[in-house]
Amino acid sequence: MTRQAEINGDDMAELGLADGDEATLKTDEGEVRVVLRVADLPRGLIFLPMGRCANALIGVETEGTGMPAFKGLSVEVRP
């Protein structure tokens, strides 16, 4: 499911969210509503699989590579 994001459990608790809750992910390029799942990830990291949701968060700039940056994006997470 590409509308499902994985996040560290401590980060999720800090946001006042539980496994399976929905949240909004927002970047400078756009925002999407996703279902959050607890995962074994470092704090501060979110995993969102490739798909329509991820595409809505990335820009079109490719810096000459022909491929936009999918990693290292700053993302705001709102319950």
C-alpha atoms as a PDB file:
ATOM      1  CA  MET A   1       0.000   0.000   0.000  1.00  0.00           C
ATOM      2  CA  THR A   2       1.632   3.253  -1.068  1.00  0.00           C
ATOM      3  CA  ARG A   3      -0.564   5.337   1.248  1.00  0.00           C
ATOM      4  CA  GLN A   4       1.110   3.777   4.273  1.00  0.00           C
ATOM      5  CA  ALA A   5       4.200   5.305   5.872  1.00  0.00           C
ATOM      6  CA  GLU A   6       6.504   3.778   8.466  1.00  0.00           C
ATOM      7  CA  ILE A   7       7.814   5.765  11.420  1.00  0.00           C
ATOM      8  CA  ASN A   8       9.741   5.184  14.644  1.00  0.00           C
ATOM      9  CA  GLY A   9       7.436   4.320  17.566  1.00  0.00           C
ATOM     10  CA  ASP A  10       8.900   7.000  19.852  1.00  0.00           C
ATOM     11  CA  ASP A  11       8.384   9.651  17.157  1.00  0.00           C
ATOM     12  CA  MET A  12       4.805   8.469  16.711  1.00  0.00           C
ATOM     13  CA  ALA A  13       4.133   8.652  20.464  1.00  0.00           C
ATOM     14  CA  GLU A  14       5.660  12.132  20.632  1.00  0.00           C
ATOM     15  CA  LEU A  15       3.147  13.217  17.975  1.00  0.00           C
ATOM     16  CA  GLY A  16       0.316  11.721  20.029  1.00  0.00           C
ATOM     17  CA  LEU A  17      -0.393   9.082  17.381  1.00  0.00           C
ATOM     18  CA  ALA A  18      -0.862   5.319  17.520  1.00  0.00           C
ATOM     19  CA  ASP A  19      -0.128   2.577  15.010  1.00  0.00           C
ATOM     20  CA  GLY A  20      -2.718   2.772  12.228  1.00  0.00           C
ATOM     21  CA  ASP A  21      -3.600   6.448  12.767  1.00  0.00           C
ATOM     22  CA  GLU A  22      -3.683   8.846   9.827  1.00  0.00           C
ATOM     23  CA  ALA A  23      -1.402  11.854   9.563  1.00  0.00           C
ATOM     24  CA  THR A  24      -0.538  14.519   7.019  1.00  0.00           C
ATOM     25  CA  LEU A  25       2.971  14.595   5.550  1.00  0.00           C
ATOM     26  CA  LYS A  26       3.907  18.008   4.147  1.00  0.00           C
ATOM     27  CA  THR A  27       6.891  19.256   2.145  1.00  0.00           C
ATOM     28  CA  ASP A  28       7.496  22.471   0.204  1.00  0.00           C
ATOM     29  CA  GLU A  29       6.089  20.667  -2.857  1.00  0.00           C
ATOM     30  CA  GLY A  30       2.840  19.275  -1.470  1.00  0.00           C
ATOM     31  CA  GLU A  31       1.088  17.276   1.201  1.00  0.00           C
ATOM     32  CA  VAL A  32      -0.595  13.890   1.500  1.00  0.00           C
ATOM     33  CA  ARG A  33      -2.655  12.021   4.053  1.00  0.00           C
ATOM     34  CA  VAL A  34      -1.196   8.620   5.004  1.00  0.00           C
ATOM     35  CA  VAL A  35      -1.668   5.784   7.480  1.00  0.00           C
ATOM     36  CA  LEU A  36       1.265   5.541   9.906  1.00  0.00           C
ATOM     37  CA  ARG A  37       2.733   2.212  10.979  1.00  0.00           C
ATOM     38  CA  VAL A  38       5.356   1.665  13.674  1.00  0.00           C
ATOM     39  CA  ALA A  39       8.622   0.377  12.246  1.00  0.00           C
ATOM     40  CA  ASP A  40      12.174  -0.276  13.395  1.00  0.00           C
ATOM     41  CA  LEU A  41      13.565   2.979  11.993  1.00  0.00           C
ATOM     42  CA  PRO A  42      15.906   5.573  13.489  1.00  0.00           C
ATOM     43  CA  ARG A  43      14.188   8.517  15.159  1.00  0.00           C
ATOM     44  CA  GLY A  44      13.437  11.330  12.740  1.00  0.00           C
ATOM     45  CA  LEU A  45      13.139   9.061   9.694  1.00  0.00           C
ATOM     46  CA  ILE A  46       9.951   8.204   7.790  1.00  0.00           C
ATOM     47  CA  PHE A  47       9.693   5.579   5.058  1.00  0.00           C
ATOM     48  CA  LEU A  48       7.089   6.115   2.329  1.00  0.00           C
ATOM     49  CA  PRO A  49       7.129   3.691  -0.614  1.00  0.00           C
ATOM     50  CA  MET A  50       7.280   4.928  -4.183  1.00  0.00           C
ATOM     51  CA  GLY A  51       3.902   5.803  -5.607  1.00  0.00           C
ATOM     52  CA  ARG A  52       1.397   8.622  -5.930  1.00  0.00           C
ATOM     53  CA  CYS A  53       1.776   9.794  -2.330  1.00  0.00           C
ATOM     54  CA  ALA A  54       5.566   9.977  -2.521  1.00  0.00           C
ATOM     55  CA  ASN A  55       5.385  11.722  -5.890  1.00  0.00           C
ATOM     56  CA  ALA A  56       3.157  14.425  -4.402  1.00  0.00           C
ATOM     57  CA  LEU A  57       5.902  15.278  -1.894  1.00  0.00           C
ATOM     58  CA  ILE A  58       8.903  15.550  -4.209  1.00  0.00           C
ATOM     59  CA  GLY A  59       9.856  18.352  -6.540  1.00  0.00           C
ATOM     60  CA  VAL A  60      10.569  18.265 -10.241  1.00  0.00           C
ATOM     61  CA  GLU A  61      14.171  19.494 -10.007  1.00  0.00           C
ATOM     62  CA  THR A  62      16.592  16.767 -11.080  1.00  0.00           C
ATOM     63  CA  GLU A  63      19.888  18.686 -10.802  1.00  0.00           C
ATOM     64  CA  GLY A  64      20.851  17.377 -14.233  1.00  0.00           C
ATOM     65  CA  THR A  65      20.414  13.707 -13.372  1.00  0.00           C
ATOM     66  CA  GLY A  66      16.960  13.234 -14.884  1.00  0.00           C
ATOM     67  CA  MET A  67      15.699  11.842 -11.563  1.00  0.00           C
ATOM     68  CA  PRO A  68      14.301  13.948  -8.693  1.00  0.00           C
ATOM     69  CA  ALA A  69      15.565  13.520  -5.142  1.00  0.00           C
ATOM     70  CA  PHE A  70      13.520  10.980  -3.210  1.00  0.00           C
ATOM     71  CA  LYS A  71      15.725  10.787  -0.119  1.00  0.00           C
ATOM     72  CA  GLY A  72      16.666  13.308   2.520  1.00  0.00           C
ATOM     73  CA  LEU A  73      13.551  15.442   2.203  1.00  0.00           C
ATOM     74  CA  SER A  74      12.414  17.519   5.178  1.00  0.00           C
ATOM     75  CA  VAL A  75       8.862  16.490   5.981  1.00  0.00           C
ATOM     76  CA  GLU A  76       6.444  17.965   8.499  1.00  0.00           C
ATOM     77  CA  VAL A  77       4.192  15.363  10.156  1.00  0.00           C
ATOM     78  CA  ARG A  78       0.829  16.590  11.448  1.00  0.00           C
ATOM     79  CA  PRO A  79      -1.785  14.450  13.192  1.00  0.00           C
END
